[in-house]
């Protein structure tokens, strides 16, 4: 794999280690040196050294079938939540809202071309729309994603829509970039977003913005219902 930055201070080994951690998901919970080498275009000795390092640090566990992530990886995500304090401030309000409407409430942020779930309050349901903290979904096909995109300039929206999604879930309905621009312009005017069965059949989603003290949209709060 070629170096991805011309900056002499850029640590390529660290970037490769993070690539490997991100390569684990619900569809590939156990990885081997061989398949990681092929997927990430890295030499097998390089992958082996990274996996050995991650194992000694406690972030992966080796078995006869390969490596899987340990619970210690969760600390990386909760470190973000702890330092931002954002979810902690929102949690009480989210719990009250979830109890009032009897629906699960999610908190998301925009990362590149995806939305990432950073907080969630569950409500017991016979049939529920399940997502996990840290899960990514393509922003162009979700209500919080389209809402967060609407807070950006037209040039930035264009750039994000042309970026590949890193989510492992593919939408049921995908609009063209021109159609998305029209939808995002509409959301920008009305101040909220709704999608109908774009990610899963039988589910409709709605999202509203969360602003910081400078009136910058920093996150979206949303619900998914039948």
C-alpha atoms as a PDB file:
ATOM      1  CA  UNK A   1       0.000   0.000   0.000  1.00  0.00           C
ATOM      2  CA  UNK A   2       1.489   3.409  -0.911  1.00  0.00           C
ATOM      3  CA  UNK A   3       1.814   6.128   1.694  1.00  0.00           C
ATOM      4  CA  UNK A   4      -1.406   8.143   1.871  1.00  0.00           C
ATOM      5  CA  UNK A   5       0.176  11.432   2.950  1.00  0.00           C
ATOM      6  CA  UNK A   6       3.141  13.542   1.881  1.00  0.00           C
ATOM      7  CA  UNK A   7       3.458  14.864   5.424  1.00  0.00           C
ATOM      8  CA  UNK A   8       6.723  13.530   6.878  1.00  0.00           C
ATOM      9  CA  UNK A   9       5.147  13.443  10.353  1.00  0.00           C
ATOM     10  CA  UNK A  10       2.322  11.156   9.207  1.00  0.00           C
ATOM     11  CA  UNK A  11       2.622   7.749  10.930  1.00  0.00           C
ATOM     12  CA  UNK A  12       1.711   5.196   8.280  1.00  0.00           C
ATOM     13  CA  UNK A  13       1.986   2.242  10.695  1.00  0.00           C
ATOM     14  CA  UNK A  14      -0.631   3.774  12.992  1.00  0.00           C
ATOM     15  CA  UNK A  15      -2.945   4.418  10.039  1.00  0.00           C
ATOM     16  CA  UNK A  16      -2.586   0.794   8.953  1.00  0.00           C
ATOM     17  CA  UNK A  17      -3.352  -0.435  12.462  1.00  0.00           C
ATOM     18  CA  UNK A  18      -6.540   1.616  12.528  1.00  0.00           C
ATOM     19  CA  UNK A  19      -7.479   0.283   9.080  1.00  0.00           C
ATOM     20  CA  UNK A  20      -7.199  -3.234  10.469  1.00  0.00           C
ATOM     21  CA  UNK A  21      -9.336  -2.456  13.525  1.00  0.00           C
ATOM     22  CA  UNK A  22     -12.024  -0.930  11.281  1.00  0.00           C
ATOM     23  CA  UNK A  23     -11.997  -3.985   9.019  1.00  0.00           C
ATOM     24  CA  UNK A  24     -13.735  -6.084  11.712  1.00  0.00           C
ATOM     25  CA  UNK A  25     -17.530  -5.979  11.506  1.00  0.00           C
ATOM     26  CA  UNK A  26     -20.636  -8.083  12.071  1.00  0.00           C
ATOM     27  CA  UNK A  27     -20.112  -9.873   8.760  1.00  0.00           C
ATOM     28  CA  UNK A  28     -16.402 -10.472   9.365  1.00  0.00           C
ATOM     29  CA  UNK A  29     -16.004 -10.909  13.137  1.00  0.00           C
ATOM     30  CA  UNK A  30     -12.938 -13.147  12.771  1.00  0.00           C
ATOM     31  CA  UNK A  31     -10.059 -12.148  10.496  1.00  0.00           C
ATOM     32  CA  UNK A  32      -6.855 -13.877   9.438  1.00  0.00           C
ATOM     33  CA  UNK A  33      -3.538 -12.422   8.380  1.00  0.00           C
ATOM     34  CA  UNK A  34      -4.148 -13.714   4.848  1.00  0.00           C
ATOM     35  CA  UNK A  35      -7.575 -12.150   4.290  1.00  0.00           C
ATOM     36  CA  UNK A  36      -6.543  -8.846   5.913  1.00  0.00           C
ATOM     37  CA  UNK A  37      -3.472  -8.754   3.687  1.00  0.00           C
ATOM     38  CA  UNK A  38      -5.599  -9.273   0.576  1.00  0.00           C
ATOM     39  CA  UNK A  39      -8.387  -6.856   1.564  1.00  0.00           C
ATOM     40  CA  UNK A  40      -6.123  -4.001   2.684  1.00  0.00           C
ATOM     41  CA  UNK A  41      -3.372  -4.558   0.107  1.00  0.00           C
ATOM     42  CA  UNK A  42      -0.744  -4.970   2.806  1.00  0.00           C
ATOM     43  CA  UNK A  43       2.177  -7.383   2.958  1.00  0.00           C
ATOM     44  CA  UNK A  44       1.540 -10.408   5.182  1.00  0.00           C
ATOM     45  CA  UNK A  45       4.568  -9.653   7.440  1.00  0.00           C
ATOM     46  CA  UNK A  46       3.218  -6.125   7.978  1.00  0.00           C
ATOM     47  CA  UNK A  47      -0.224  -7.432   8.970  1.00  0.00           C
ATOM     48  CA  UNK A  48       1.371 -10.058  11.197  1.00  0.00           C
ATOM     49  CA  UNK A  49       3.400  -7.433  13.101  1.00  0.00           C
ATOM     50  CA  UNK A  50       0.350  -5.189  13.533  1.00  0.00           C
ATOM     51  CA  UNK A  51      -1.785  -8.077  14.798  1.00  0.00           C
ATOM     52  CA  UNK A  52       0.962  -9.113  17.214  1.00  0.00           C
ATOM     53  CA  UNK A  53       1.113  -5.554  18.547  1.00  0.00           C
ATOM     54  CA  UNK A  54      -2.670  -5.289  18.894  1.00  0.00           C
ATOM     55  CA  UNK A  55      -2.750  -8.653  20.660  1.00  0.00           C
ATOM     56  CA  UNK A  56      -0.074  -7.630  23.168  1.00  0.00           C
ATOM     57  CA  UNK A  57      -1.960  -4.380  23.819  1.00  0.00           C
ATOM     58  CA  UNK A  58      -5.150  -6.369  24.432  1.00  0.00           C
ATOM     59  CA  UNK A  59      -7.207  -5.088  21.489  1.00  0.00           C
ATOM     60  CA  UNK A  60      -7.459  -8.441  19.663  1.00  0.00           C
ATOM     61  CA  UNK A  61      -7.547 -12.079  20.733  1.00  0.00           C
ATOM     62  CA  UNK A  62      -5.999 -14.878  18.672  1.00  0.00           C
ATOM     63  CA  UNK A  63      -7.774 -18.215  18.177  1.00  0.00           C
ATOM     64  CA  UNK A  64      -7.216 -21.213  15.931  1.00  0.00           C
ATOM     65  CA  UNK A  65      -9.555 -19.643  13.363  1.00  0.00           C
ATOM     66  CA  UNK A  66      -7.999 -16.187  13.418  1.00  0.00           C
ATOM     67  CA  UNK A  67      -8.275 -12.937  15.370  1.00  0.00           C
ATOM     68  CA  UNK A  68     -11.301 -11.215  16.877  1.00  0.00           C
ATOM     69  CA  UNK A  69     -11.619  -7.864  18.606  1.00  0.00           C
ATOM     70  CA  UNK A  70     -11.579  -7.767  22.386  1.00  0.00           C
ATOM     71  CA  UNK A  71     -13.867  -5.661  24.563  1.00  0.00           C
ATOM     72  CA  UNK A  72     -10.967  -3.266  25.136  1.00  0.00           C
ATOM     73  CA  UNK A  73     -11.651  -1.709  21.719  1.00  0.00           C
ATOM     74  CA  UNK A  74     -14.851  -0.249  23.189  1.00  0.00           C
ATOM     75  CA  UNK A  75     -12.660   2.009  25.348  1.00  0.00           C
ATOM     76  CA  UNK A  76     -11.630   3.908  22.225  1.00  0.00           C
ATOM     77  CA  UNK A  77     -15.225   4.882  21.485  1.00  0.00           C
ATOM     78  CA  UNK A  78     -16.151   5.674  25.060  1.00  0.00           C
ATOM     79  CA  UNK A  79     -13.067   7.855  25.340  1.00  0.00           C
ATOM     80  CA  UNK A  80     -14.602  10.050  22.660  1.00  0.00           C
ATOM     81  CA  UNK A  81     -17.934  10.192  24.492  1.00  0.00           C
ATOM     82  CA  UNK A  82     -16.241  10.951  27.806  1.00  0.00           C
ATOM     83  CA  UNK A  83     -14.078  13.758  26.446  1.00  0.00           C
ATOM     84  CA  UNK A  84     -16.855  15.397  24.463  1.00  0.00           C
ATOM     85  CA  UNK A  85     -19.431  14.945  27.215  1.00  0.00           C
ATOM     86  CA  UNK A  86     -21.982  15.334  24.442  1.00  0.00           C
ATOM     87  CA  UNK A  87     -23.930  12.144  24.902  1.00  0.00           C
ATOM     88  CA  UNK A  88     -23.872  12.601  28.664  1.00  0.00           C
ATOM     89  CA  UNK A  89     -25.578  15.975  28.284  1.00  0.00           C
ATOM     90  CA  UNK A  90     -28.136  14.620  25.827  1.00  0.00           C
ATOM     91  CA  UNK A  91     -28.882  11.311  27.546  1.00  0.00           C
ATOM     92  CA  UNK A  92     -31.412  12.571  30.116  1.00  0.00           C
ATOM     93  CA  UNK A  93     -33.401  14.409  27.443  1.00  0.00           C
ATOM     94  CA  UNK A  94     -33.283  11.387  25.154  1.00  0.00           C
ATOM     95  CA  UNK A  95     -34.554   9.112  27.940  1.00  0.00           C
ATOM     96  CA  UNK A  96     -37.493  11.437  28.616  1.00  0.00           C
ATOM     97  CA  UNK A  97     -38.376  11.641  24.944  1.00  0.00           C
ATOM     98  CA  UNK A  98     -38.099   7.864  24.451  1.00  0.00           C
ATOM     99  CA  UNK A  99     -40.418   7.259  27.416  1.00  0.00           C
ATOM    100  CA  UNK A 100     -42.892   9.881  26.209  1.00  0.00           C
ATOM    101  CA  UNK A 101     -43.261   8.553  22.657  1.00  0.00           C
ATOM    102  CA  UNK A 102     -42.395   4.886  23.424  1.00  0.00           C
ATOM    103  CA  UNK A 103     -39.788   4.764  20.658  1.00  0.00           C
ATOM    104  CA  UNK A 104     -36.021   4.285  20.588  1.00  0.00           C
ATOM    105  CA  UNK A 105     -34.031   7.508  20.181  1.00  0.00           C
ATOM    106  CA  UNK A 106     -30.675   7.785  18.419  1.00  0.00           C
ATOM    107  CA  UNK A 107     -27.954  10.410  18.338  1.00  0.00           C
ATOM    108  CA  UNK A 108     -25.761  10.628  15.239  1.00  0.00           C
ATOM    109  CA  UNK A 109     -22.896  12.653  13.825  1.00  0.00           C
ATOM    110  CA  UNK A 110     -21.666  13.088  10.261  1.00  0.00           C
ATOM    111  CA  UNK A 111     -18.308  11.488   9.453  1.00  0.00           C
ATOM    112  CA  UNK A 112     -17.183  11.909   5.833  1.00  0.00           C
ATOM    113  CA  UNK A 113     -20.067  10.445   3.774  1.00  0.00           C
ATOM    114  CA  UNK A 114     -21.644   8.449   6.619  1.00  0.00           C
ATOM    115  CA  UNK A 115     -23.571   9.026   9.816  1.00  0.00           C
ATOM    116  CA  UNK A 116     -22.196   7.355  12.941  1.00  0.00           C
ATOM    117  CA  UNK A 117     -24.353   6.408  15.936  1.00  0.00           C
ATOM    118  CA  UNK A 118     -22.831   7.979  19.067  1.00  0.00           C
ATOM    119  CA  UNK A 119     -25.765   7.488  21.458  1.00  0.00           C
ATOM    120  CA  UNK A 120     -28.980   5.485  21.687  1.00  0.00           C
ATOM    121  CA  UNK A 121     -31.838   4.928  24.115  1.00  0.00           C
ATOM    122  CA  UNK A 122     -33.652   1.650  23.512  1.00  0.00           C
ATOM    123  CA  UNK A 123     -37.329   0.895  24.142  1.00  0.00           C
ATOM    124  CA  UNK A 124     -38.480  -2.762  24.364  1.00  0.00           C
ATOM    125  CA  UNK A 125     -40.249  -3.763  21.153  1.00  0.00           C
ATOM    126  CA  UNK A 126     -41.374  -7.072  19.691  1.00  0.00           C
ATOM    127  CA  UNK A 127     -39.893  -5.990  16.347  1.00  0.00           C
ATOM    128  CA  UNK A 128     -37.189  -3.354  16.647  1.00  0.00           C
ATOM    129  CA  UNK A 129     -34.860  -1.509  14.286  1.00  0.00           C
ATOM    130  CA  UNK A 130     -31.506  -2.414  15.786  1.00  0.00           C
ATOM    131  CA  UNK A 131     -28.332  -0.371  15.460  1.00  0.00           C
ATOM    132  CA  UNK A 132     -25.199  -0.356  17.588  1.00  0.00           C
ATOM    133  CA  UNK A 133     -23.064   2.461  18.920  1.00  0.00           C
ATOM    134  CA  UNK A 134     -20.377   3.237  16.398  1.00  0.00           C
ATOM    135  CA  UNK A 135     -22.345   1.802  13.480  1.00  0.00           C
ATOM    136  CA  UNK A 136     -22.079   3.694  10.209  1.00  0.00           C
ATOM    137  CA  UNK A 137     -24.870   4.188   7.680  1.00  0.00           C
ATOM    138  CA  UNK A 138     -24.641   6.037   4.350  1.00  0.00           C
ATOM    139  CA  UNK A 139     -25.655   9.641   4.984  1.00  0.00           C
ATOM    140  CA  UNK A 140     -27.379  10.050   1.610  1.00  0.00           C
ATOM    141  CA  UNK A 141     -30.026   7.431   2.459  1.00  0.00           C
ATOM    142  CA  UNK A 142     -30.797   8.279   6.095  1.00  0.00           C
ATOM    143  CA  UNK A 143     -32.834  11.088   7.608  1.00  0.00           C
ATOM    144  CA  UNK A 144     -30.098  12.249  10.034  1.00  0.00           C
ATOM    145  CA  UNK A 145     -27.524  12.021   7.263  1.00  0.00           C
ATOM    146  CA  UNK A 146     -29.489  14.172   4.855  1.00  0.00           C
ATOM    147  CA  UNK A 147     -30.240  16.624   7.659  1.00  0.00           C
ATOM    148  CA  UNK A 148     -26.574  16.962   8.613  1.00  0.00           C
ATOM    149  CA  UNK A 149     -25.595  17.324   4.966  1.00  0.00           C
ATOM    150  CA  UNK A 150     -28.090  20.181   4.661  1.00  0.00           C
ATOM    151  CA  UNK A 151     -26.018  22.204   7.151  1.00  0.00           C
ATOM    152  CA  UNK A 152     -23.032  22.195   4.782  1.00  0.00           C
ATOM    153  CA  UNK A 153     -22.274  24.418   1.812  1.00  0.00           C
ATOM    154  CA  UNK A 154     -23.332  23.276  -1.648  1.00  0.00           C
ATOM    155  CA  UNK A 155     -19.690  22.611  -2.540  1.00  0.00           C
ATOM    156  CA  UNK A 156     -19.162  20.480   0.563  1.00  0.00           C
ATOM    157  CA  UNK A 157     -22.414  18.596  -0.042  1.00  0.00           C
ATOM    158  CA  UNK A 158     -21.210  17.788  -3.554  1.00  0.00           C
ATOM    159  CA  UNK A 159     -17.892  16.540  -2.187  1.00  0.00           C
ATOM    160  CA  UNK A 160     -19.490  14.343   0.486  1.00  0.00           C
ATOM    161  CA  UNK A 161     -22.010  12.827  -1.929  1.00  0.00           C
ATOM    162  CA  UNK A 162     -19.170  11.785  -4.223  1.00  0.00           C
ATOM    163  CA  UNK A 163     -17.237  10.110  -1.400  1.00  0.00           C
ATOM    164  CA  UNK A 164     -17.573   6.324  -1.043  1.00  0.00           C
ATOM    165  CA  UNK A 165     -19.447   5.111   2.024  1.00  0.00           C
ATOM    166  CA  UNK A 166     -17.591   2.958   4.558  1.00  0.00           C
ATOM    167  CA  UNK A 167     -20.845   1.535   5.919  1.00  0.00           C
ATOM    168  CA  UNK A 168     -21.437  -2.208   5.754  1.00  0.00           C
ATOM    169  CA  UNK A 169     -25.176  -1.757   5.162  1.00  0.00           C
ATOM    170  CA  UNK A 170     -26.487  -0.971   1.703  1.00  0.00           C
ATOM    171  CA  UNK A 171     -29.676   1.105   1.331  1.00  0.00           C
ATOM    172  CA  UNK A 172     -32.850  -0.211  -0.248  1.00  0.00           C
ATOM    173  CA  UNK A 173     -33.326   3.016  -2.220  1.00  0.00           C
ATOM    174  CA  UNK A 174     -30.520   5.198  -3.598  1.00  0.00           C
ATOM    175  CA  UNK A 175     -31.259   8.550  -5.240  1.00  0.00           C
ATOM    176  CA  UNK A 176     -29.083  10.181  -7.867  1.00  0.00           C
ATOM    177  CA  UNK A 177     -26.841  13.036  -6.772  1.00  0.00           C
ATOM    178  CA  UNK A 178     -29.114  15.556  -8.538  1.00  0.00           C
ATOM    179  CA  UNK A 179     -32.174  14.130  -6.737  1.00  0.00           C
ATOM    180  CA  UNK A 180     -30.323  14.247  -3.424  1.00  0.00           C
ATOM    181  CA  UNK A 181     -29.393  17.888  -3.954  1.00  0.00           C
ATOM    182  CA  UNK A 182     -33.071  18.740  -4.420  1.00  0.00           C
ATOM    183  CA  UNK A 183     -34.022  16.793  -1.271  1.00  0.00           C
ATOM    184  CA  UNK A 184     -31.223  18.379   0.772  1.00  0.00           C
ATOM    185  CA  UNK A 185     -32.263  21.866  -0.357  1.00  0.00           C
ATOM    186  CA  UNK A 186     -35.809  21.095   0.812  1.00  0.00           C
ATOM    187  CA  UNK A 187     -34.530  19.870   4.189  1.00  0.00           C
ATOM    188  CA  UNK A 188     -32.378  22.974   4.550  1.00  0.00           C
ATOM    189  CA  UNK A 189     -35.528  25.122   4.313  1.00  0.00           C
ATOM    190  CA  UNK A 190     -37.817  23.076   6.567  1.00  0.00           C
ATOM    191  CA  UNK A 191     -35.211  22.300   9.233  1.00  0.00           C
ATOM    192  CA  UNK A 192     -35.910  18.575   9.649  1.00  0.00           C
ATOM    193  CA  UNK A 193     -35.730  15.404   7.561  1.00  0.00           C
ATOM    194  CA  UNK A 194     -37.745  12.246   6.938  1.00  0.00           C
ATOM    195  CA  UNK A 195     -37.061   9.117   4.891  1.00  0.00           C
ATOM    196  CA  UNK A 196     -39.493   6.377   3.921  1.00  0.00           C
ATOM    197  CA  UNK A 197     -38.143   2.829   3.593  1.00  0.00           C
ATOM    198  CA  UNK A 198     -34.793   3.950   2.174  1.00  0.00           C
ATOM    199  CA  UNK A 199     -32.730   1.673   4.442  1.00  0.00           C
ATOM    200  CA  UNK A 200     -35.210  -1.109   5.294  1.00  0.00           C
ATOM    201  CA  UNK A 201     -38.652  -2.064   4.040  1.00  0.00           C
ATOM    202  CA  UNK A 202     -41.432  -1.155   6.437  1.00  0.00           C
ATOM    203  CA  UNK A 203     -39.510   1.530   8.345  1.00  0.00           C
ATOM    204  CA  UNK A 204     -39.843   5.303   8.246  1.00  0.00           C
ATOM    205  CA  UNK A 205     -37.316   7.611   9.923  1.00  0.00           C
ATOM    206  CA  UNK A 206     -37.296  11.238  11.046  1.00  0.00           C
ATOM    207  CA  UNK A 207     -34.500  13.450  12.354  1.00  0.00           C
ATOM    208  CA  UNK A 208     -34.142  16.874  13.955  1.00  0.00           C
ATOM    209  CA  UNK A 209     -30.989  18.960  14.422  1.00  0.00           C
ATOM    210  CA  UNK A 210     -28.903  19.660  17.505  1.00  0.00           C
ATOM    211  CA  UNK A 211     -26.978  22.944  17.509  1.00  0.00           C
ATOM    212  CA  UNK A 212     -24.059  24.130  19.598  1.00  0.00           C
ATOM    213  CA  UNK A 213     -23.665  27.572  21.163  1.00  0.00           C
ATOM    214  CA  UNK A 214     -22.512  29.041  17.840  1.00  0.00           C
ATOM    215  CA  UNK A 215     -25.679  27.775  16.111  1.00  0.00           C
ATOM    216  CA  UNK A 216     -23.688  25.193  14.180  1.00  0.00           C
ATOM    217  CA  UNK A 217     -25.457  21.876  13.574  1.00  0.00           C
ATOM    218  CA  UNK A 218     -23.289  19.307  15.357  1.00  0.00           C
ATOM    219  CA  UNK A 219     -25.520  16.233  15.536  1.00  0.00           C
ATOM    220  CA  UNK A 220     -28.964  14.869  14.757  1.00  0.00           C
ATOM    221  CA  UNK A 221     -31.510  13.172  16.984  1.00  0.00           C
ATOM    222  CA  UNK A 222     -33.809  10.712  15.319  1.00  0.00           C
ATOM    223  CA  UNK A 223     -36.361   7.928  15.489  1.00  0.00           C
ATOM    224  CA  UNK A 224     -37.169   4.936  13.275  1.00  0.00           C
ATOM    225  CA  UNK A 225     -40.728   3.576  13.328  1.00  0.00           C
ATOM    226  CA  UNK A 226     -42.870   1.082  11.439  1.00  0.00           C
END
